Structure formats: structure tokens, C-alpha cells
Amino acid sequence: MYTTNELLSNLDKLHTTDLGAVRIKKNLSLDTDEVIDWCKLSIKQPDASVTRSGKNWYVRVNGCILTIHAHSYTVITAHKIKK
């Protein structure tokens, strides 16, 4: 059984690739170049919903979904939630 605490206790390992940062920034229309810092702050939000399915964590927060590889803590992508 995986818990949200596992992701929260490993936020210091959170990272992405250069292309991943560009993709996340574009998909979420972020105004910051500090994509990982933005992701960390979002994951810490009290209304963040964290689930794990297979090899990935999925975090629903701020109207978007972050996809994070569960073993490497790489933020793979992020998308706005369609209404």
C-alpha cells in the first residue's frame, strides 16, 4: 500500500528534464521558470489529491494533474483538467 506521505517525504528528490520543464510550463501556462518549485508547492497544498497507479503518482491540484514517476520522482508531465 502506498501513501501520500511517501511522495511528500521525498519531495526533495522531485525533478524533471529540461524538455519536461518546457512541456509542463506550456501545458499549464505557468508564468515561472521554476517549474519544480511550483510543483512542490502545489503538491503540499491541503486540497491536493495524491493517488498512485502502477509506476506513477498522480496529483490533482490547482485545476491540473501532475504525473510523477514513482521510483525516480521525475515529473513526467502535467495537464489542465478539462471542465
C-alpha atoms as a PDB file:
ATOM      1  CA  MET A   1       0.000   0.000   0.000  1.00  0.00           C
ATOM      2  CA  TYR A   2       1.343   3.394  -0.964  1.00  0.00           C
ATOM      3  CA  THR A   3       0.527   6.539   0.931  1.00  0.00           C
ATOM      4  CA  THR A   4       0.621  10.212   0.139  1.00  0.00           C
ATOM      5  CA  ASN A   5       3.281  10.528   2.843  1.00  0.00           C
ATOM      6  CA  GLU A   6       5.708   8.574   0.656  1.00  0.00           C
ATOM      7  CA  LEU A   7       5.542  11.251  -2.032  1.00  0.00           C
ATOM      8  CA  LEU A   8       5.557  14.133   0.455  1.00  0.00           C
ATOM      9  CA  SER A   9       8.564  12.766   2.325  1.00  0.00           C
ATOM     10  CA  ASN A  10      10.526  12.546  -0.933  1.00  0.00           C
ATOM     11  CA  LEU A  11       9.758  15.972  -2.404  1.00  0.00           C
ATOM     12  CA  ASP A  12      13.457  16.831  -2.205  1.00  0.00           C
ATOM     13  CA  LYS A  13      14.012  14.186  -4.927  1.00  0.00           C
ATOM     14  CA  LEU A  14      11.462  15.762  -7.279  1.00  0.00           C
ATOM     15  CA  HIS A  15      12.979  16.798 -10.610  1.00  0.00           C
ATOM     16  CA  THR A  16      12.310  16.886 -14.343  1.00  0.00           C
ATOM     17  CA  THR A  17      14.238  17.089 -17.585  1.00  0.00           C
ATOM     18  CA  ASP A  18      14.792  20.331 -19.487  1.00  0.00           C
ATOM     19  CA  LEU A  19      12.207  19.283 -22.063  1.00  0.00           C
ATOM     20  CA  GLY A  20       9.855  18.198 -19.276  1.00  0.00           C
ATOM     21  CA  ALA A  21      10.046  21.659 -17.706  1.00  0.00           C
ATOM     22  CA  VAL A  22       9.239  23.279 -21.044  1.00  0.00           C
ATOM     23  CA  ARG A  23       6.307  20.871 -21.592  1.00  0.00           C
ATOM     24  CA  ILE A  24       4.882  21.416 -18.085  1.00  0.00           C
ATOM     25  CA  LYS A  25       5.236  25.192 -18.312  1.00  0.00           C
ATOM     26  CA  LYS A  26       3.479  25.224 -21.698  1.00  0.00           C
ATOM     27  CA  ASN A  27       0.693  22.780 -20.723  1.00  0.00           C
ATOM     28  CA  LEU A  28      -0.157  24.688 -17.546  1.00  0.00           C
ATOM     29  CA  SER A  29       0.521  28.200 -18.911  1.00  0.00           C
ATOM     30  CA  LEU A  30       2.867  28.897 -15.987  1.00  0.00           C
ATOM     31  CA  ASP A  31       4.493  32.295 -15.600  1.00  0.00           C
ATOM     32  CA  THR A  32       7.514  30.908 -13.743  1.00  0.00           C
ATOM     33  CA  ASP A  33      10.708  29.237 -14.863  1.00  0.00           C
ATOM     34  CA  GLU A  34      10.907  27.426 -11.502  1.00  0.00           C
ATOM     35  CA  VAL A  35       8.629  24.567 -12.569  1.00  0.00           C
ATOM     36  CA  ILE A  36       9.797  22.103  -9.910  1.00  0.00           C
ATOM     37  CA  ASP A  37       9.357  24.647  -7.121  1.00  0.00           C
ATOM     38  CA  TRP A  38       5.834  25.299  -8.400  1.00  0.00           C
ATOM     39  CA  CYS A  39       5.137  21.535  -8.440  1.00  0.00           C
ATOM     40  CA  LYS A  40       6.448  21.090  -4.883  1.00  0.00           C
ATOM     41  CA  LEU A  41       4.281  23.928  -3.569  1.00  0.00           C
ATOM     42  CA  SER A  42       1.257  22.525  -5.387  1.00  0.00           C
ATOM     43  CA  ILE A  43       1.773  19.009  -4.018  1.00  0.00           C
ATOM     44  CA  LYS A  44       1.950  20.427  -0.473  1.00  0.00           C
ATOM     45  CA  GLN A  45      -1.442  22.138  -0.828  1.00  0.00           C
ATOM     46  CA  PRO A  46      -4.030  20.770   1.629  1.00  0.00           C
ATOM     47  CA  ASP A  47      -6.525  20.203  -1.200  1.00  0.00           C
ATOM     48  CA  ALA A  48      -4.068  18.178  -3.323  1.00  0.00           C
ATOM     49  CA  SER A  49      -5.347  14.699  -4.114  1.00  0.00           C
ATOM     50  CA  VAL A  50      -2.493  12.198  -4.483  1.00  0.00           C
ATOM     51  CA  THR A  51      -3.016   8.710  -5.888  1.00  0.00           C
ATOM     52  CA  ARG A  52      -0.711   6.055  -7.209  1.00  0.00           C
ATOM     53  CA  SER A  53      -1.455   3.798 -10.130  1.00  0.00           C
ATOM     54  CA  GLY A  54       1.256   1.407 -11.235  1.00  0.00           C
ATOM     55  CA  LYS A  55       4.569   3.198 -11.666  1.00  0.00           C
ATOM     56  CA  ASN A  56       3.202   6.746 -11.410  1.00  0.00           C
ATOM     57  CA  TRP A  57       1.878   9.167  -8.838  1.00  0.00           C
ATOM     58  CA  TYR A  58      -0.985  11.408  -9.971  1.00  0.00           C
ATOM     59  CA  VAL A  59      -1.559  14.676  -8.148  1.00  0.00           C
ATOM     60  CA  ARG A  60      -4.792  16.591  -8.765  1.00  0.00           C
ATOM     61  CA  VAL A  61      -4.458  20.182  -7.578  1.00  0.00           C
ATOM     62  CA  ASN A  62      -4.995  23.747  -8.808  1.00  0.00           C
ATOM     63  CA  GLY A  63      -7.126  22.520 -11.725  1.00  0.00           C
ATOM     64  CA  CYS A  64      -4.412  20.277 -13.122  1.00  0.00           C
ATOM     65  CA  ILE A  65      -2.970  16.777 -12.914  1.00  0.00           C
ATOM     66  CA  LEU A  66       0.744  16.199 -12.362  1.00  0.00           C
ATOM     67  CA  THR A  67       2.191  12.842 -13.408  1.00  0.00           C
ATOM     68  CA  ILE A  68       5.256  11.779 -11.414  1.00  0.00           C
ATOM     69  CA  HIS A  69       7.315   8.610 -11.879  1.00  0.00           C
ATOM     70  CA  ALA A  70       7.084   6.795  -8.537  1.00  0.00           C
ATOM     71  CA  HIS A  71      10.625   5.426  -8.377  1.00  0.00           C
ATOM     72  CA  SER A  72      12.702   8.273  -9.807  1.00  0.00           C
ATOM     73  CA  TYR A  73      10.434  11.147  -8.684  1.00  0.00           C
ATOM     74  CA  THR A  74      10.622  12.653 -12.171  1.00  0.00           C
ATOM     75  CA  VAL A  75       7.723  14.940 -13.042  1.00  0.00           C
ATOM     76  CA  ILE A  76       6.814  13.495 -16.417  1.00  0.00           C
ATOM     77  CA  THR A  77       4.043  15.835 -17.492  1.00  0.00           C
ATOM     78  CA  ALA A  78       1.149  17.964 -16.309  1.00  0.00           C
ATOM     79  CA  HIS A  79      -2.179  18.835 -17.867  1.00  0.00           C
ATOM     80  CA  LYS A  80      -5.058  21.137 -17.080  1.00  0.00           C
ATOM     81  CA  ILE A  81      -8.206  19.316 -16.048  1.00  0.00           C
ATOM     82  CA  LYS A  82     -10.822  19.752 -18.737  1.00  0.00           C
ATOM     83  CA  LYS A  83     -14.149  21.010 -17.434  1.00  0.00           C
END
